[in-house]
Amino acid sequence: MKVAVLCEYSGVVRDAFIKRGHNAVSCDILGTESPGPHLQGDIRDYDWSSYDLIIAHPPCTHLCVSGARWFKDKQKEQKEAIDFFMWVVNLDINKICIENPVGIMSTKYRRPDQYIQPWQFGHGETKKTGLWLKNLPLLRPTNIVNGRENRIHKMPPGPDRWKNRSRTFQGIANAMAAQWG
């Protein structure tokens, strides 16, 4: 299967699909952290029509509820973020998953098909994340663990905080590759 993981610099999801024998590539405005097939640039500058599956992680800065107190001051940025999200929704691809934290897309577009948590996939953290799915089954939990630490939300300020908060948990990436690949 030919898989594109959009807005992913870490390579976590891409590499999970590659390990299962799929032809996967990541694409982000940043270079990749992990050596592997990666396109650096704006995802809208590439033709994705030959791909069987798109998994997208649109930037959530202006969409997620954690930034709600700044929404009124960032109307232009929020509109651009909504348009970007909807650009992915409207790709003419048979199978699409769009991942984003709890936010305004539930009202601006529609509710996600499901919410997942890292603790459902072997990680003892909480980070409620919505999945908007097109022609894909719900992601089934693979390893429910105790824990429920809110480590992601409590990360201290720093220059890489946003990058570390956006990284996909390995257990979730493995479940996507196993169940959708």
N, C-alpha and C. Protein backbone atom coordinates (compact mmCIF):
# COMPACT_ATOMS: atom_id res chain seq x y z
N MET A 1 0.84 -1.18 0.00
CA MET A 1 0.00 0.00 0.00
C MET A 1 0.88 1.24 0.00
N LYS A 2 0.44 2.25 -0.68
CA LYS A 2 1.17 3.51 -0.76
C LYS A 2 0.54 4.48 0.25
N VAL A 3 1.35 4.89 1.24
CA VAL A 3 0.86 5.67 2.38
C VAL A 3 1.63 6.99 2.47
N ALA A 4 0.90 8.09 2.65
CA ALA A 4 1.52 9.39 2.90
C ALA A 4 1.09 9.86 4.28
N VAL A 5 2.07 10.25 5.09
CA VAL A 5 1.81 10.76 6.43
C VAL A 5 2.14 12.25 6.38
N LEU A 6 1.09 13.06 6.40
CA LEU A 6 1.24 14.49 6.18
C LEU A 6 1.37 15.24 7.50
N CYS A 7 2.20 16.25 7.49
CA CYS A 7 2.48 17.07 8.67
C CYS A 7 3.12 16.21 9.75
N GLU A 8 4.06 15.38 9.34
CA GLU A 8 4.80 14.54 10.29
C GLU A 8 6.30 14.72 10.05
N TYR A 9 6.98 15.28 11.03
CA TYR A 9 8.43 15.44 10.94
C TYR A 9 9.15 14.30 11.66
N SER A 10 8.46 13.64 12.59
CA SER A 10 9.12 12.64 13.44
C SER A 10 9.38 11.32 12.73
N GLY A 11 8.57 10.96 11.75
CA GLY A 11 8.72 9.68 11.06
C GLY A 11 8.12 8.51 11.82
N VAL A 12 7.50 8.73 12.94
CA VAL A 12 6.98 7.63 13.78
C VAL A 12 5.91 6.83 13.04
N VAL A 13 4.91 7.51 12.50
CA VAL A 13 3.84 6.80 11.79
C VAL A 13 4.37 6.22 10.48
N ARG A 14 5.12 7.02 9.75
CA ARG A 14 5.72 6.55 8.49
C ARG A 14 6.50 5.26 8.70
N ASP A 15 7.37 5.25 9.71
CA ASP A 15 8.22 4.09 9.95
C ASP A 15 7.42 2.87 10.40
N ALA A 16 6.30 3.08 11.11
CA ALA A 16 5.45 1.95 11.52
C ALA A 16 4.88 1.26 10.28
N PHE A 17 4.49 2.04 9.28
CA PHE A 17 3.97 1.45 8.04
C PHE A 17 5.10 0.78 7.24
N ILE A 18 6.26 1.40 7.19
CA ILE A 18 7.39 0.80 6.48
C ILE A 18 7.76 -0.54 7.09
N LYS A 19 7.76 -0.62 8.42
CA LYS A 19 8.10 -1.89 9.09
C LYS A 19 7.12 -3.00 8.75
N ARG A 20 5.93 -2.65 8.33
CA ARG A 20 4.93 -3.64 7.95
C ARG A 20 4.92 -3.87 6.43
N GLY A 21 5.93 -3.34 5.73
CA GLY A 21 6.09 -3.62 4.31
C GLY A 21 5.41 -2.66 3.35
N HIS A 22 4.93 -1.54 3.84
CA HIS A 22 4.25 -0.58 2.98
C HIS A 22 5.21 0.47 2.44
N ASN A 23 4.83 1.06 1.33
CA ASN A 23 5.58 2.14 0.72
C ASN A 23 5.07 3.43 1.35
N ALA A 24 5.75 3.94 2.34
CA ALA A 24 5.28 5.10 3.09
C ALA A 24 6.28 6.25 3.01
N VAL A 25 5.72 7.46 3.01
CA VAL A 25 6.52 8.68 2.99
C VAL A 25 5.88 9.67 3.96
N SER A 26 6.73 10.46 4.61
CA SER A 26 6.22 11.55 5.44
C SER A 26 6.48 12.85 4.70
N CYS A 27 5.71 13.89 5.09
CA CYS A 27 5.89 15.20 4.48
C CYS A 27 5.59 16.26 5.53
N ASP A 28 6.47 17.24 5.63
CA ASP A 28 6.30 18.32 6.60
C ASP A 28 7.14 19.50 6.15
N ILE A 29 6.82 20.67 6.69
CA ILE A 29 7.66 21.83 6.38
C ILE A 29 9.02 21.70 7.06
N LEU A 30 9.10 20.85 8.09
CA LEU A 30 10.38 20.57 8.76
C LEU A 30 11.03 19.34 8.14
N GLY A 31 12.32 19.23 8.28
CA GLY A 31 13.00 18.01 7.90
C GLY A 31 12.62 16.91 8.88
N THR A 32 12.90 15.67 8.52
CA THR A 32 12.54 14.55 9.38
C THR A 32 13.57 14.33 10.49
N GLU A 33 13.11 13.87 11.64
CA GLU A 33 14.00 13.51 12.76
C GLU A 33 14.62 12.14 12.54
N SER A 34 13.93 11.32 11.77
CA SER A 34 14.31 9.93 11.60
C SER A 34 14.59 9.68 10.12
N PRO A 35 15.78 9.19 9.78
CA PRO A 35 16.08 8.96 8.37
C PRO A 35 15.03 8.06 7.73
N GLY A 36 14.63 8.43 6.55
CA GLY A 36 13.64 7.66 5.82
C GLY A 36 13.01 8.53 4.75
N PRO A 37 12.09 7.96 3.96
CA PRO A 37 11.46 8.71 2.88
C PRO A 37 10.68 9.91 3.44
N HIS A 38 11.09 11.10 3.05
CA HIS A 38 10.49 12.32 3.59
C HIS A 38 10.55 13.43 2.55
N LEU A 39 9.44 14.12 2.39
CA LEU A 39 9.37 15.29 1.53
C LEU A 39 9.29 16.51 2.42
N GLN A 40 10.18 17.45 2.22
CA GLN A 40 10.16 18.66 3.04
C GLN A 40 9.53 19.79 2.24
N GLY A 41 8.45 20.33 2.78
CA GLY A 41 7.75 21.43 2.12
C GLY A 41 6.30 21.45 2.53
N ASP A 42 5.57 22.34 1.95
CA ASP A 42 4.14 22.49 2.21
C ASP A 42 3.41 21.31 1.56
N ILE A 43 2.60 20.60 2.32
CA ILE A 43 1.90 19.42 1.79
C ILE A 43 1.01 19.77 0.60
N ARG A 44 0.57 21.01 0.52
CA ARG A 44 -0.31 21.42 -0.58
C ARG A 44 0.44 21.57 -1.90
N ASP A 45 1.76 21.50 -1.87
CA ASP A 45 2.56 21.61 -3.09
C ASP A 45 2.82 20.27 -3.77
N TYR A 46 2.29 19.19 -3.21
CA TYR A 46 2.54 17.85 -3.75
C TYR A 46 1.24 17.23 -4.26
N ASP A 47 1.39 16.31 -5.20
CA ASP A 47 0.25 15.57 -5.74
C ASP A 47 0.13 14.25 -4.99
N TRP A 48 -0.94 14.09 -4.23
CA TRP A 48 -1.14 12.89 -3.41
C TRP A 48 -2.10 11.91 -4.08
N SER A 49 -2.51 12.16 -5.31
CA SER A 49 -3.56 11.36 -5.95
C SER A 49 -3.21 9.89 -6.15
N SER A 50 -1.96 9.54 -6.15
CA SER A 50 -1.58 8.13 -6.36
C SER A 50 -1.50 7.34 -5.04
N TYR A 51 -1.81 7.97 -3.93
CA TYR A 51 -1.69 7.31 -2.63
C TYR A 51 -3.00 6.61 -2.25
N ASP A 52 -2.84 5.47 -1.57
CA ASP A 52 -3.98 4.68 -1.13
C ASP A 52 -4.53 5.17 0.21
N LEU A 53 -3.64 5.70 1.04
CA LEU A 53 -4.00 6.11 2.39
C LEU A 53 -3.24 7.38 2.75
N ILE A 54 -3.97 8.34 3.31
CA ILE A 54 -3.37 9.56 3.83
C ILE A 54 -3.66 9.60 5.33
N ILE A 55 -2.63 9.80 6.12
CA ILE A 55 -2.79 10.06 7.55
C ILE A 55 -2.22 11.45 7.78
N ALA A 56 -3.05 12.36 8.26
CA ALA A 56 -2.64 13.76 8.38
C ALA A 56 -2.73 14.24 9.82
N HIS A 57 -1.75 15.04 10.18
CA HIS A 57 -1.66 15.64 11.52
C HIS A 57 -1.58 17.16 11.35
N PRO A 58 -2.68 17.80 10.90
CA PRO A 58 -2.62 19.25 10.68
C PRO A 58 -2.23 20.00 11.95
N PRO A 59 -1.48 21.07 11.83
CA PRO A 59 -1.11 21.84 13.02
C PRO A 59 -2.35 22.24 13.82
N CYS A 60 -2.26 22.09 15.13
CA CYS A 60 -3.44 22.31 15.98
C CYS A 60 -3.38 23.62 16.77
N THR A 61 -2.31 24.37 16.64
CA THR A 61 -2.11 25.58 17.45
C THR A 61 -3.34 26.48 17.49
N HIS A 62 -3.98 26.68 16.35
CA HIS A 62 -5.10 27.60 16.28
C HIS A 62 -6.45 26.88 16.24
N LEU A 63 -6.42 25.56 16.50
CA LEU A 63 -7.65 24.76 16.45
C LEU A 63 -8.01 24.11 17.79
N CYS A 64 -7.04 23.78 18.61
CA CYS A 64 -7.32 22.99 19.81
C CYS A 64 -7.76 23.85 20.99
N VAL A 65 -8.54 23.23 21.88
CA VAL A 65 -9.12 23.97 23.00
C VAL A 65 -8.08 24.52 23.96
N SER A 66 -6.90 23.95 23.98
CA SER A 66 -5.87 24.46 24.89
C SER A 66 -5.47 25.89 24.53
N GLY A 67 -5.75 26.32 23.31
CA GLY A 67 -5.42 27.68 22.91
C GLY A 67 -6.63 28.59 22.81
N ALA A 68 -7.77 28.13 23.33
CA ALA A 68 -9.03 28.88 23.15
C ALA A 68 -8.97 30.32 23.66
N ARG A 69 -8.22 30.55 24.71
CA ARG A 69 -8.20 31.91 25.26
C ARG A 69 -7.58 32.93 24.31
N TRP A 70 -6.85 32.45 23.29
CA TRP A 70 -6.24 33.35 22.31
C TRP A 70 -7.02 33.43 21.00
N PHE A 71 -8.08 32.64 20.86
CA PHE A 71 -8.81 32.60 19.59
C PHE A 71 -9.25 33.98 19.12
N LYS A 72 -9.77 34.81 20.01
CA LYS A 72 -10.33 36.11 19.59
C LYS A 72 -9.25 37.02 18.99
N ASP A 73 -8.00 36.81 19.38
CA ASP A 73 -6.90 37.64 18.88
C ASP A 73 -6.23 37.05 17.64
N LYS A 74 -6.66 35.87 17.23
CA LYS A 74 -6.00 35.19 16.11
C LYS A 74 -7.02 34.69 15.09
N GLN A 75 -7.95 35.54 14.72
CA GLN A 75 -9.00 35.17 13.77
C GLN A 75 -8.42 34.74 12.41
N LYS A 76 -7.45 35.51 11.91
CA LYS A 76 -6.86 35.21 10.60
C LYS A 76 -6.13 33.86 10.64
N GLU A 77 -5.33 33.65 11.68
CA GLU A 77 -4.58 32.40 11.81
C GLU A 77 -5.53 31.21 11.96
N GLN A 78 -6.61 31.42 12.70
CA GLN A 78 -7.56 30.33 12.90
C GLN A 78 -8.26 29.98 11.58
N LYS A 79 -8.64 30.99 10.81
CA LYS A 79 -9.28 30.72 9.51
C LYS A 79 -8.32 29.95 8.61
N GLU A 80 -7.06 30.34 8.59
CA GLU A 80 -6.06 29.63 7.78
C GLU A 80 -5.92 28.18 8.25
N ALA A 81 -5.94 27.95 9.56
CA ALA A 81 -5.82 26.59 10.10
C ALA A 81 -7.04 25.74 9.73
N ILE A 82 -8.22 26.34 9.79
CA ILE A 82 -9.44 25.63 9.39
C ILE A 82 -9.38 25.29 7.91
N ASP A 83 -8.97 26.24 7.09
CA ASP A 83 -8.87 26.00 5.64
C ASP A 83 -7.86 24.89 5.34
N PHE A 84 -6.76 24.87 6.06
CA PHE A 84 -5.73 23.84 5.88
C PHE A 84 -6.31 22.46 6.22
N PHE A 85 -6.99 22.37 7.37
CA PHE A 85 -7.63 21.12 7.80
C PHE A 85 -8.62 20.65 6.71
N MET A 86 -9.44 21.58 6.23
CA MET A 86 -10.45 21.22 5.23
C MET A 86 -9.82 20.87 3.89
N TRP A 87 -8.64 21.41 3.59
CA TRP A 87 -7.94 21.01 2.37
C TRP A 87 -7.64 19.51 2.43
N VAL A 88 -7.21 19.04 3.58
CA VAL A 88 -6.94 17.61 3.74
C VAL A 88 -8.24 16.81 3.62
N VAL A 89 -9.30 17.26 4.30
CA VAL A 89 -10.60 16.58 4.23
C VAL A 89 -11.01 16.38 2.79
N ASN A 90 -10.80 17.36 1.95
CA ASN A 90 -11.30 17.34 0.58
C ASN A 90 -10.36 16.69 -0.43
N LEU A 91 -9.26 16.10 0.02
CA LEU A 91 -8.40 15.37 -0.92
C LEU A 91 -9.19 14.22 -1.54
N ASP A 92 -8.95 13.98 -2.80
CA ASP A 92 -9.64 12.90 -3.51
C ASP A 92 -8.86 11.59 -3.33
N ILE A 93 -8.86 11.12 -2.09
CA ILE A 93 -8.14 9.90 -1.72
C ILE A 93 -9.17 8.97 -1.08
N ASN A 94 -9.08 7.68 -1.35
CA ASN A 94 -10.07 6.73 -0.85
C ASN A 94 -10.08 6.60 0.66
N LYS A 95 -8.89 6.57 1.28
CA LYS A 95 -8.81 6.37 2.73
C LYS A 95 -8.02 7.51 3.36
N ILE A 96 -8.65 8.18 4.34
CA ILE A 96 -8.00 9.31 5.02
C ILE A 96 -8.26 9.22 6.51
N CYS A 97 -7.23 9.52 7.30
CA CYS A 97 -7.36 9.74 8.73
C CYS A 97 -6.75 11.11 9.02
N ILE A 98 -7.54 11.96 9.69
CA ILE A 98 -7.02 13.24 10.15
C ILE A 98 -7.04 13.21 11.66
N GLU A 99 -5.90 13.48 12.25
CA GLU A 99 -5.71 13.43 13.71
C GLU A 99 -5.55 14.84 14.24
N ASN A 100 -6.26 15.16 15.32
CA ASN A 100 -6.12 16.46 15.96
C ASN A 100 -6.67 16.38 17.37
N PRO A 101 -6.10 17.15 18.30
CA PRO A 101 -6.63 17.17 19.66
C PRO A 101 -8.05 17.75 19.69
N VAL A 102 -8.68 17.65 20.82
CA VAL A 102 -10.01 18.23 21.01
C VAL A 102 -9.95 19.70 20.64
N GLY A 103 -10.87 20.14 19.79
CA GLY A 103 -10.82 21.53 19.34
C GLY A 103 -12.06 21.94 18.59
N ILE A 104 -11.91 23.00 17.83
CA ILE A 104 -13.06 23.62 17.17
C ILE A 104 -13.52 22.91 15.91
N MET A 105 -12.75 21.96 15.38
CA MET A 105 -13.17 21.29 14.16
C MET A 105 -14.42 20.45 14.39
N SER A 106 -14.70 20.11 15.63
CA SER A 106 -15.94 19.39 15.94
C SER A 106 -17.17 20.22 15.59
N THR A 107 -17.05 21.54 15.67
CA THR A 107 -18.17 22.42 15.32
C THR A 107 -17.99 23.05 13.95
N LYS A 108 -16.77 23.34 13.55
CA LYS A 108 -16.53 23.98 12.25
C LYS A 108 -16.68 22.99 11.09
N TYR A 109 -16.46 21.72 11.36
CA TYR A 109 -16.58 20.67 10.34
C TYR A 109 -17.60 19.65 10.82
N ARG A 110 -17.17 18.72 11.63
CA ARG A 110 -18.04 17.72 12.25
C ARG A 110 -17.28 17.06 13.38
N ARG A 111 -18.00 16.35 14.23
CA ARG A 111 -17.35 15.63 15.32
C ARG A 111 -16.44 14.55 14.73
N PRO A 112 -15.34 14.24 15.40
CA PRO A 112 -14.49 13.15 14.91
C PRO A 112 -15.24 11.82 15.00
N ASP A 113 -14.79 10.86 14.23
CA ASP A 113 -15.40 9.53 14.29
C ASP A 113 -15.10 8.84 15.61
N GLN A 114 -13.96 9.17 16.20
CA GLN A 114 -13.63 8.60 17.50
C GLN A 114 -12.58 9.44 18.19
N TYR A 115 -12.51 9.28 19.50
CA TYR A 115 -11.43 9.84 20.30
C TYR A 115 -10.60 8.68 20.82
N ILE A 116 -9.30 8.87 20.81
CA ILE A 116 -8.39 7.85 21.36
C ILE A 116 -7.54 8.50 22.43
N GLN A 117 -6.92 7.64 23.25
CA GLN A 117 -6.00 8.07 24.30
C GLN A 117 -4.74 7.20 24.22
N PRO A 118 -3.57 7.76 24.52
CA PRO A 118 -2.34 6.95 24.50
C PRO A 118 -2.42 5.73 25.40
N TRP A 119 -3.13 5.82 26.55
CA TRP A 119 -3.20 4.68 27.48
C TRP A 119 -3.95 3.49 26.89
N GLN A 120 -4.63 3.68 25.77
CA GLN A 120 -5.29 2.57 25.08
C GLN A 120 -4.31 1.79 24.19
N PHE A 121 -3.10 2.33 24.05
CA PHE A 121 -2.13 1.76 23.11
C PHE A 121 -0.76 1.57 23.76
N GLY A 122 -0.75 1.33 25.08
CA GLY A 122 0.48 0.98 25.77
C GLY A 122 1.25 2.09 26.42
N HIS A 123 0.71 3.31 26.46
CA HIS A 123 1.40 4.44 27.06
C HIS A 123 0.56 4.98 28.21
N GLY A 124 1.16 5.23 29.36
CA GLY A 124 0.42 5.66 30.54
C GLY A 124 0.10 7.14 30.60
N GLU A 125 -0.12 7.76 29.46
CA GLU A 125 -0.43 9.19 29.43
C GLU A 125 -1.86 9.42 28.95
N THR A 126 -2.33 10.63 29.22
CA THR A 126 -3.60 11.07 28.65
C THR A 126 -3.30 12.14 27.60
N LYS A 127 -4.01 12.07 26.50
CA LYS A 127 -3.99 13.10 25.47
C LYS A 127 -5.15 12.76 24.52
N LYS A 128 -6.33 13.24 24.88
CA LYS A 128 -7.53 12.93 24.11
C LYS A 128 -7.37 13.50 22.71
N THR A 129 -7.45 12.62 21.73
CA THR A 129 -7.19 12.99 20.35
C THR A 129 -8.30 12.48 19.45
N GLY A 130 -8.80 13.35 18.60
CA GLY A 130 -9.86 12.96 17.67
C GLY A 130 -9.29 12.41 16.37
N LEU A 131 -10.02 11.46 15.81
CA LEU A 131 -9.69 10.90 14.50
C LEU A 131 -10.90 11.09 13.59
N TRP A 132 -10.72 11.82 12.50
CA TRP A 132 -11.73 11.96 11.47
C TRP A 132 -11.36 10.94 10.40
N LEU A 133 -12.24 10.00 10.13
CA LEU A 133 -11.92 8.87 9.26
C LEU A 133 -12.77 8.87 7.99
N LYS A 134 -12.13 8.50 6.90
CA LYS A 134 -12.82 8.29 5.63
C LYS A 134 -12.47 6.89 5.14
N ASN A 135 -13.47 6.02 5.08
CA ASN A 135 -13.32 4.64 4.61
C ASN A 135 -12.29 3.85 5.41
N LEU A 136 -12.18 4.14 6.70
CA LEU A 136 -11.31 3.40 7.61
C LEU A 136 -12.12 2.98 8.83
N PRO A 137 -11.83 1.80 9.38
CA PRO A 137 -12.51 1.39 10.60
C PRO A 137 -11.99 2.17 11.80
N LEU A 138 -12.77 2.19 12.87
CA LEU A 138 -12.30 2.79 14.11
C LEU A 138 -11.02 2.08 14.55
N LEU A 139 -10.12 2.80 15.15
CA LEU A 139 -8.87 2.23 15.64
C LEU A 139 -9.16 1.50 16.95
N ARG A 140 -8.89 0.21 16.98
CA ARG A 140 -9.15 -0.60 18.18
C ARG A 140 -7.98 -0.51 19.16
N PRO A 141 -8.27 -0.31 20.44
CA PRO A 141 -7.19 -0.31 21.44
C PRO A 141 -6.40 -1.61 21.38
N THR A 142 -5.11 -1.52 21.61
CA THR A 142 -4.23 -2.69 21.52
C THR A 142 -3.60 -3.09 22.84
N ASN A 143 -3.49 -2.15 23.77
CA ASN A 143 -2.81 -2.45 25.03
C ASN A 143 -3.21 -1.41 26.08
N ILE A 144 -4.34 -1.64 26.72
CA ILE A 144 -4.83 -0.71 27.73
C ILE A 144 -3.97 -0.85 28.98
N VAL A 145 -3.40 0.27 29.40
CA VAL A 145 -2.50 0.26 30.55
C VAL A 145 -3.00 1.18 31.65
N ASN A 146 -2.55 0.91 32.85
CA ASN A 146 -2.82 1.82 33.96
C ASN A 146 -1.93 3.03 33.79
N GLY A 147 -2.21 4.02 34.53
CA GLY A 147 -1.45 5.26 34.36
C GLY A 147 -2.44 6.39 34.27
N ARG A 148 -2.46 7.11 33.29
CA ARG A 148 -3.34 8.25 33.07
C ARG A 148 -2.65 9.53 33.54
N GLU A 149 -1.38 9.60 33.33
CA GLU A 149 -0.62 10.80 33.67
C GLU A 149 -0.81 11.85 32.58
N ASN A 150 -1.01 13.07 32.96
CA ASN A 150 -1.22 14.16 32.02
C ASN A 150 0.12 14.83 31.67
N ARG A 151 1.10 14.01 31.30
CA ARG A 151 2.46 14.48 31.05
C ARG A 151 2.55 15.45 29.87
N ILE A 152 1.80 15.21 28.83
CA ILE A 152 1.86 16.05 27.63
C ILE A 152 1.42 17.47 27.96
N HIS A 153 0.30 17.58 28.65
CA HIS A 153 -0.23 18.90 29.00
C HIS A 153 0.69 19.66 29.96
N LYS A 154 1.38 18.92 30.81
CA LYS A 154 2.21 19.53 31.85
C LYS A 154 3.66 19.76 31.43
N MET A 155 3.98 19.56 30.17
CA MET A 155 5.37 19.78 29.73
C MET A 155 5.77 21.22 30.04
N PRO A 156 6.98 21.40 30.54
CA PRO A 156 7.43 22.77 30.84
C PRO A 156 7.67 23.57 29.56
N PRO A 157 7.60 24.88 29.66
CA PRO A 157 7.88 25.72 28.49
C PRO A 157 9.30 25.47 27.97
N GLY A 158 9.47 25.65 26.71
CA GLY A 158 10.78 25.48 26.09
C GLY A 158 10.66 25.57 24.58
N PRO A 159 11.77 25.70 23.89
CA PRO A 159 11.74 25.90 22.44
C PRO A 159 11.18 24.71 21.66
N ASP A 160 11.29 23.49 22.21
CA ASP A 160 10.81 22.31 21.50
C ASP A 160 9.53 21.74 22.09
N ARG A 161 8.89 22.47 22.97
CA ARG A 161 7.66 21.97 23.61
C ARG A 161 6.62 21.60 22.57
N TRP A 162 6.39 22.45 21.61
CA TRP A 162 5.37 22.19 20.59
C TRP A 162 5.69 20.93 19.78
N LYS A 163 6.97 20.72 19.49
CA LYS A 163 7.35 19.52 18.74
C LYS A 163 7.13 18.26 19.56
N ASN A 164 7.51 18.31 20.83
CA ASN A 164 7.35 17.14 21.69
C ASN A 164 5.88 16.84 21.96
N ARG A 165 5.06 17.87 22.04
CA ARG A 165 3.62 17.66 22.26
C ARG A 165 2.94 17.09 21.03
N SER A 166 3.50 17.32 19.86
CA SER A 166 2.85 16.88 18.62
C SER A 166 3.28 15.48 18.18
N ARG A 167 4.30 14.94 18.77
CA ARG A 167 4.83 13.64 18.36
C ARG A 167 3.81 12.52 18.63
N THR A 168 3.59 11.66 17.65
CA THR A 168 2.66 10.53 17.80
C THR A 168 3.29 9.45 18.68
N PHE A 169 2.49 8.91 19.58
CA PHE A 169 2.96 7.81 20.42
C PHE A 169 3.16 6.56 19.56
N GLN A 170 4.23 5.82 19.84
CA GLN A 170 4.58 4.65 19.05
C GLN A 170 3.46 3.62 19.01
N GLY A 171 2.80 3.39 20.14
CA GLY A 171 1.72 2.41 20.18
C GLY A 171 0.56 2.77 19.26
N ILE A 172 0.26 4.05 19.16
CA ILE A 172 -0.80 4.49 18.25
C ILE A 172 -0.36 4.30 16.80
N ALA A 173 0.88 4.67 16.49
CA ALA A 173 1.40 4.48 15.13
C ALA A 173 1.39 3.00 14.75
N ASN A 174 1.80 2.14 15.66
CA ASN A 174 1.81 0.70 15.38
C ASN A 174 0.40 0.18 15.13
N ALA A 175 -0.57 0.67 15.91
CA ALA A 175 -1.97 0.24 15.72
C ALA A 175 -2.48 0.69 14.36
N MET A 176 -2.16 1.92 13.96
CA MET A 176 -2.59 2.41 12.65
C MET A 176 -2.04 1.53 11.55
N ALA A 177 -0.76 1.21 11.63
CA ALA A 177 -0.12 0.40 10.59
C ALA A 177 -0.69 -1.03 10.57
N ALA A 178 -0.91 -1.61 11.74
CA ALA A 178 -1.41 -2.97 11.82
C ALA A 178 -2.88 -3.06 11.35
N GLN A 179 -3.68 -2.07 11.72
CA GLN A 179 -5.12 -2.16 11.45
C GLN A 179 -5.55 -1.54 10.13
N TRP A 180 -4.78 -0.57 9.64
CA TRP A 180 -5.17 0.09 8.40
C TRP A 180 -4.24 -0.24 7.24
N GLY A 181 -3.13 -0.92 7.51
CA GLY A 181 -2.15 -1.20 6.48
C GLY A 181 -2.48 -2.41 5.63
